Amino acid sequence: MVKFFFTTLILIVTMFLRNFSVLALPPEDDIPEEILATEIITQARSPFDNQPLTMAEYALLKEKIAKNPFPPQLNSKLRQKIFLLKILKMIRTILPINN
């Protein structure tokens, strides 16, 4: 008897909710993602300082990065300090000592 009641209740609820299934659709003025993926981007941003660039400036920047992909070398003293800071961080994770 209980199974019959729950089955009937589930059927009634699904019949009422069937009319509300249209609410799950996106709005009509929403542009589909497939169309947005094929859109040609005419604006670009610099990967260094996030400043807006024109397409010509962006092409020149990409060409410059392609010619010299490696960043300039750091000063040896600065490199050594960074190395020591990494070692200090590793030691602090192994030995959690309060400062």
N, C-alpha and C. Protein backbone atom coordinates (compact mmCIF):
# COMPACT_ATOMS: atom_id res chain seq x y z
N MET A 1 0.82 -1.19 0.00
CA MET A 1 0.00 0.00 0.00
C MET A 1 0.87 1.26 0.00
N VAL A 2 1.97 1.21 0.78
CA VAL A 2 2.86 2.36 0.86
C VAL A 2 3.57 2.58 -0.47
N LYS A 3 3.98 1.48 -1.11
CA LYS A 3 4.64 1.61 -2.41
C LYS A 3 3.71 2.22 -3.44
N PHE A 4 2.45 1.84 -3.40
CA PHE A 4 1.47 2.39 -4.34
C PHE A 4 1.29 3.89 -4.10
N PHE A 5 1.25 4.29 -2.84
CA PHE A 5 1.08 5.70 -2.50
C PHE A 5 2.26 6.53 -3.00
N PHE A 6 3.50 6.06 -2.76
CA PHE A 6 4.68 6.80 -3.20
C PHE A 6 4.78 6.82 -4.73
N THR A 7 4.42 5.72 -5.37
CA THR A 7 4.46 5.69 -6.83
C THR A 7 3.46 6.69 -7.41
N THR A 8 2.25 6.72 -6.85
CA THR A 8 1.23 7.66 -7.31
C THR A 8 1.68 9.10 -7.05
N LEU A 9 2.25 9.33 -5.89
CA LEU A 9 2.72 10.67 -5.55
C LEU A 9 3.82 11.13 -6.51
N ILE A 10 4.75 10.26 -6.83
CA ILE A 10 5.82 10.60 -7.77
C ILE A 10 5.26 10.88 -9.14
N LEU A 11 4.29 10.12 -9.60
CA LEU A 11 3.68 10.37 -10.91
C LEU A 11 2.95 11.70 -10.95
N ILE A 12 2.25 12.03 -9.90
CA ILE A 12 1.52 13.31 -9.86
C ILE A 12 2.50 14.48 -9.85
N VAL A 13 3.55 14.36 -9.07
CA VAL A 13 4.54 15.44 -9.00
C VAL A 13 5.23 15.62 -10.34
N THR A 14 5.59 14.54 -11.01
CA THR A 14 6.25 14.67 -12.31
C THR A 14 5.32 15.24 -13.36
N MET A 15 4.03 14.95 -13.27
CA MET A 15 3.08 15.54 -14.23
C MET A 15 2.99 17.04 -14.04
N PHE A 16 3.02 17.51 -12.78
CA PHE A 16 2.96 18.95 -12.55
C PHE A 16 4.26 19.64 -12.93
N LEU A 17 5.38 18.98 -12.70
CA LEU A 17 6.67 19.58 -13.01
C LEU A 17 6.99 19.54 -14.50
N ARG A 18 6.31 18.72 -15.26
CA ARG A 18 6.56 18.63 -16.69
C ARG A 18 6.29 19.97 -17.38
N ASN A 19 5.32 20.72 -16.90
CA ASN A 19 5.00 22.01 -17.49
C ASN A 19 6.07 23.05 -17.20
N PHE A 20 6.85 22.87 -16.16
CA PHE A 20 7.87 23.83 -15.78
C PHE A 20 9.23 23.51 -16.39
N SER A 21 9.31 22.52 -17.24
CA SER A 21 10.59 22.16 -17.83
C SER A 21 11.10 23.24 -18.78
N VAL A 22 10.25 24.09 -19.28
CA VAL A 22 10.66 25.16 -20.19
C VAL A 22 11.48 26.20 -19.44
N LEU A 23 11.31 26.31 -18.16
CA LEU A 23 12.05 27.30 -17.38
C LEU A 23 13.54 26.99 -17.33
N ALA A 24 13.92 25.76 -17.62
CA ALA A 24 15.33 25.38 -17.58
C ALA A 24 16.09 25.81 -18.82
N LEU A 25 15.41 26.24 -19.85
CA LEU A 25 16.07 26.67 -21.08
C LEU A 25 16.69 28.05 -20.89
N PRO A 26 17.78 28.36 -21.62
CA PRO A 26 18.39 29.69 -21.51
C PRO A 26 17.49 30.74 -22.15
N PRO A 27 17.71 32.00 -21.81
CA PRO A 27 16.89 33.05 -22.42
C PRO A 27 17.09 33.11 -23.94
N GLU A 28 16.11 33.63 -24.64
CA GLU A 28 16.17 33.66 -26.11
C GLU A 28 17.27 34.57 -26.62
N ASP A 29 17.60 35.64 -25.90
CA ASP A 29 18.62 36.58 -26.37
C ASP A 29 20.04 36.12 -26.01
N ASP A 30 20.20 34.98 -25.36
CA ASP A 30 21.51 34.45 -25.00
C ASP A 30 22.19 33.86 -26.24
N ILE A 31 23.45 34.25 -26.46
CA ILE A 31 24.20 33.76 -27.62
C ILE A 31 24.81 32.40 -27.27
N PRO A 32 24.62 31.38 -28.12
CA PRO A 32 25.18 30.06 -27.81
C PRO A 32 26.70 30.08 -27.76
N GLU A 33 27.26 29.19 -26.95
CA GLU A 33 28.70 29.13 -26.76
C GLU A 33 29.43 28.75 -28.04
N GLU A 34 28.80 27.96 -28.88
CA GLU A 34 29.43 27.55 -30.14
C GLU A 34 29.67 28.76 -31.04
N ILE A 35 28.74 29.69 -31.04
CA ILE A 35 28.90 30.89 -31.86
C ILE A 35 29.98 31.80 -31.26
N LEU A 36 29.98 31.91 -29.94
CA LEU A 36 31.00 32.74 -29.29
C LEU A 36 32.40 32.19 -29.49
N ALA A 37 32.54 30.87 -29.60
CA ALA A 37 33.85 30.27 -29.79
C ALA A 37 34.43 30.58 -31.17
N THR A 38 33.57 30.81 -32.15
CA THR A 38 34.05 31.12 -33.50
C THR A 38 34.19 32.61 -33.74
N GLU A 39 33.88 33.43 -32.75
CA GLU A 39 33.96 34.87 -32.89
C GLU A 39 35.43 35.30 -32.98
N ILE A 40 35.72 36.21 -33.89
CA ILE A 40 37.08 36.71 -34.07
C ILE A 40 37.33 37.80 -33.04
N ILE A 41 38.38 37.64 -32.28
CA ILE A 41 38.71 38.59 -31.23
C ILE A 41 39.56 39.70 -31.84
N THR A 42 39.10 40.93 -31.70
CA THR A 42 39.83 42.07 -32.26
C THR A 42 40.55 42.88 -31.20
N GLN A 43 40.42 42.48 -29.95
CA GLN A 43 41.11 43.17 -28.87
C GLN A 43 42.01 42.16 -28.17
N ALA A 44 43.12 42.65 -27.67
CA ALA A 44 44.05 41.77 -26.97
C ALA A 44 44.60 42.50 -25.76
N ARG A 45 45.19 41.73 -24.86
CA ARG A 45 45.80 42.30 -23.66
C ARG A 45 47.23 41.79 -23.55
N SER A 46 48.06 42.64 -23.02
CA SER A 46 49.47 42.29 -22.85
C SER A 46 49.60 41.23 -21.76
N PRO A 47 50.41 40.18 -22.00
CA PRO A 47 50.58 39.17 -20.95
C PRO A 47 51.45 39.66 -19.79
N PHE A 48 52.11 40.79 -19.95
CA PHE A 48 53.01 41.30 -18.92
C PHE A 48 52.31 42.23 -17.94
N ASP A 49 51.58 43.24 -18.47
CA ASP A 49 50.95 44.23 -17.59
C ASP A 49 49.44 44.33 -17.80
N ASN A 50 48.86 43.48 -18.62
CA ASN A 50 47.42 43.39 -18.84
C ASN A 50 46.84 44.68 -19.43
N GLN A 51 47.63 45.42 -20.15
CA GLN A 51 47.16 46.63 -20.81
C GLN A 51 46.50 46.26 -22.13
N PRO A 52 45.44 46.99 -22.53
CA PRO A 52 44.82 46.69 -23.82
C PRO A 52 45.76 47.01 -24.99
N LEU A 53 45.78 46.14 -25.98
CA LEU A 53 46.63 46.30 -27.16
C LEU A 53 45.79 46.19 -28.41
N THR A 54 46.24 46.84 -29.47
CA THR A 54 45.61 46.64 -30.77
C THR A 54 46.14 45.33 -31.34
N MET A 55 45.54 44.86 -32.40
CA MET A 55 45.97 43.61 -32.99
C MET A 55 47.39 43.73 -33.56
N ALA A 56 47.74 44.91 -34.09
CA ALA A 56 49.10 45.10 -34.63
C ALA A 56 50.13 45.06 -33.51
N GLU A 57 49.83 45.73 -32.39
CA GLU A 57 50.75 45.70 -31.25
C GLU A 57 50.87 44.28 -30.68
N TYR A 58 49.75 43.57 -30.64
CA TYR A 58 49.77 42.20 -30.12
C TYR A 58 50.60 41.29 -31.03
N ALA A 59 50.48 41.47 -32.35
CA ALA A 59 51.26 40.65 -33.28
C ALA A 59 52.76 40.94 -33.11
N LEU A 60 53.12 42.22 -32.94
CA LEU A 60 54.52 42.57 -32.72
C LEU A 60 55.04 41.97 -31.41
N LEU A 61 54.21 41.99 -30.38
CA LEU A 61 54.62 41.43 -29.09
C LEU A 61 54.80 39.92 -29.19
N LYS A 62 53.90 39.24 -29.89
CA LYS A 62 54.03 37.79 -30.08
C LYS A 62 55.30 37.46 -30.86
N GLU A 63 55.60 38.27 -31.87
CA GLU A 63 56.81 38.05 -32.66
C GLU A 63 58.06 38.26 -31.81
N LYS A 64 58.04 39.27 -30.96
CA LYS A 64 59.18 39.54 -30.08
C LYS A 64 59.37 38.40 -29.08
N ILE A 65 58.28 37.88 -28.55
CA ILE A 65 58.36 36.75 -27.60
C ILE A 65 58.86 35.50 -28.31
N ALA A 66 58.45 35.30 -29.56
CA ALA A 66 58.88 34.10 -30.31
C ALA A 66 60.38 34.15 -30.60
N LYS A 67 60.92 35.35 -30.83
CA LYS A 67 62.35 35.47 -31.11
C LYS A 67 63.18 35.22 -29.85
N ASN A 68 62.73 35.71 -28.71
CA ASN A 68 63.46 35.55 -27.47
C ASN A 68 62.50 35.02 -26.40
N PRO A 69 62.26 33.70 -26.36
CA PRO A 69 61.25 33.18 -25.45
C PRO A 69 61.67 33.15 -23.98
N PHE A 70 62.97 33.25 -23.70
CA PHE A 70 63.43 33.17 -22.33
C PHE A 70 63.50 34.56 -21.72
N PRO A 71 63.07 34.69 -20.47
CA PRO A 71 63.17 36.00 -19.82
C PRO A 71 64.62 36.35 -19.53
N PRO A 72 64.93 37.60 -19.31
CA PRO A 72 66.31 37.98 -19.01
C PRO A 72 66.76 37.33 -17.70
N GLN A 73 68.05 37.05 -17.62
CA GLN A 73 68.61 36.40 -16.44
C GLN A 73 68.61 37.36 -15.25
N LEU A 74 68.34 36.80 -14.08
CA LEU A 74 68.35 37.61 -12.86
C LEU A 74 69.78 37.81 -12.39
N ASN A 75 69.96 38.82 -11.57
CA ASN A 75 71.24 39.07 -10.95
C ASN A 75 71.62 37.86 -10.09
N SER A 76 72.88 37.50 -10.04
CA SER A 76 73.31 36.30 -9.31
C SER A 76 73.01 36.41 -7.82
N LYS A 77 73.15 37.60 -7.23
CA LYS A 77 72.84 37.77 -5.81
C LYS A 77 71.35 37.57 -5.55
N LEU A 78 70.53 38.11 -6.44
CA LEU A 78 69.09 37.95 -6.29
C LEU A 78 68.69 36.48 -6.47
N ARG A 79 69.30 35.81 -7.42
CA ARG A 79 69.04 34.39 -7.63
C ARG A 79 69.41 33.57 -6.39
N GLN A 80 70.53 33.92 -5.75
CA GLN A 80 70.96 33.22 -4.55
C GLN A 80 69.99 33.46 -3.40
N LYS A 81 69.49 34.69 -3.26
CA LYS A 81 68.53 34.98 -2.20
C LYS A 81 67.23 34.22 -2.41
N ILE A 82 66.78 34.13 -3.64
CA ILE A 82 65.56 33.37 -3.94
C ILE A 82 65.76 31.90 -3.61
N PHE A 83 66.93 31.37 -3.93
CA PHE A 83 67.24 29.98 -3.61
C PHE A 83 67.22 29.75 -2.10
N LEU A 84 67.81 30.67 -1.34
CA LEU A 84 67.82 30.53 0.11
C LEU A 84 66.42 30.65 0.71
N LEU A 85 65.60 31.52 0.14
CA LEU A 85 64.22 31.63 0.61
C LEU A 85 63.43 30.35 0.35
N LYS A 86 63.67 29.71 -0.79
CA LYS A 86 63.01 28.43 -1.08
C LYS A 86 63.44 27.35 -0.10
N ILE A 87 64.74 27.34 0.25
CA ILE A 87 65.23 26.37 1.23
C ILE A 87 64.59 26.64 2.59
N LEU A 88 64.50 27.92 2.97
CA LEU A 88 63.89 28.29 4.24
C LEU A 88 62.42 27.87 4.28
N LYS A 89 61.72 28.06 3.19
CA LYS A 89 60.31 27.66 3.12
C LYS A 89 60.19 26.14 3.26
N MET A 90 61.09 25.39 2.64
CA MET A 90 61.05 23.94 2.74
C MET A 90 61.32 23.49 4.17
N ILE A 91 62.28 24.13 4.82
CA ILE A 91 62.59 23.78 6.22
C ILE A 91 61.40 24.08 7.11
N ARG A 92 60.73 25.21 6.89
CA ARG A 92 59.57 25.56 7.71
C ARG A 92 58.40 24.59 7.50
N THR A 93 58.27 24.03 6.32
CA THR A 93 57.20 23.04 6.14
C THR A 93 57.53 21.73 6.83
N ILE A 94 58.82 21.38 6.88
CA ILE A 94 59.21 20.14 7.54
C ILE A 94 59.21 20.31 9.06
N LEU A 95 59.75 21.42 9.53
CA LEU A 95 59.82 21.72 10.98
C LEU A 95 58.95 22.93 11.27
N PRO A 96 57.70 22.73 11.61
CA PRO A 96 56.82 23.89 11.85
C PRO A 96 57.15 24.58 13.18
N ILE A 97 58.05 25.51 13.13
CA ILE A 97 58.47 26.26 14.32
C ILE A 97 57.82 27.63 14.26
N ASN A 98 57.22 28.05 15.36
CA ASN A 98 56.59 29.37 15.39
C ASN A 98 57.67 30.45 15.44
N ASN A 99 57.41 31.53 14.72
CA ASN A 99 58.38 32.63 14.68
C ASN A 99 58.06 33.65 15.73
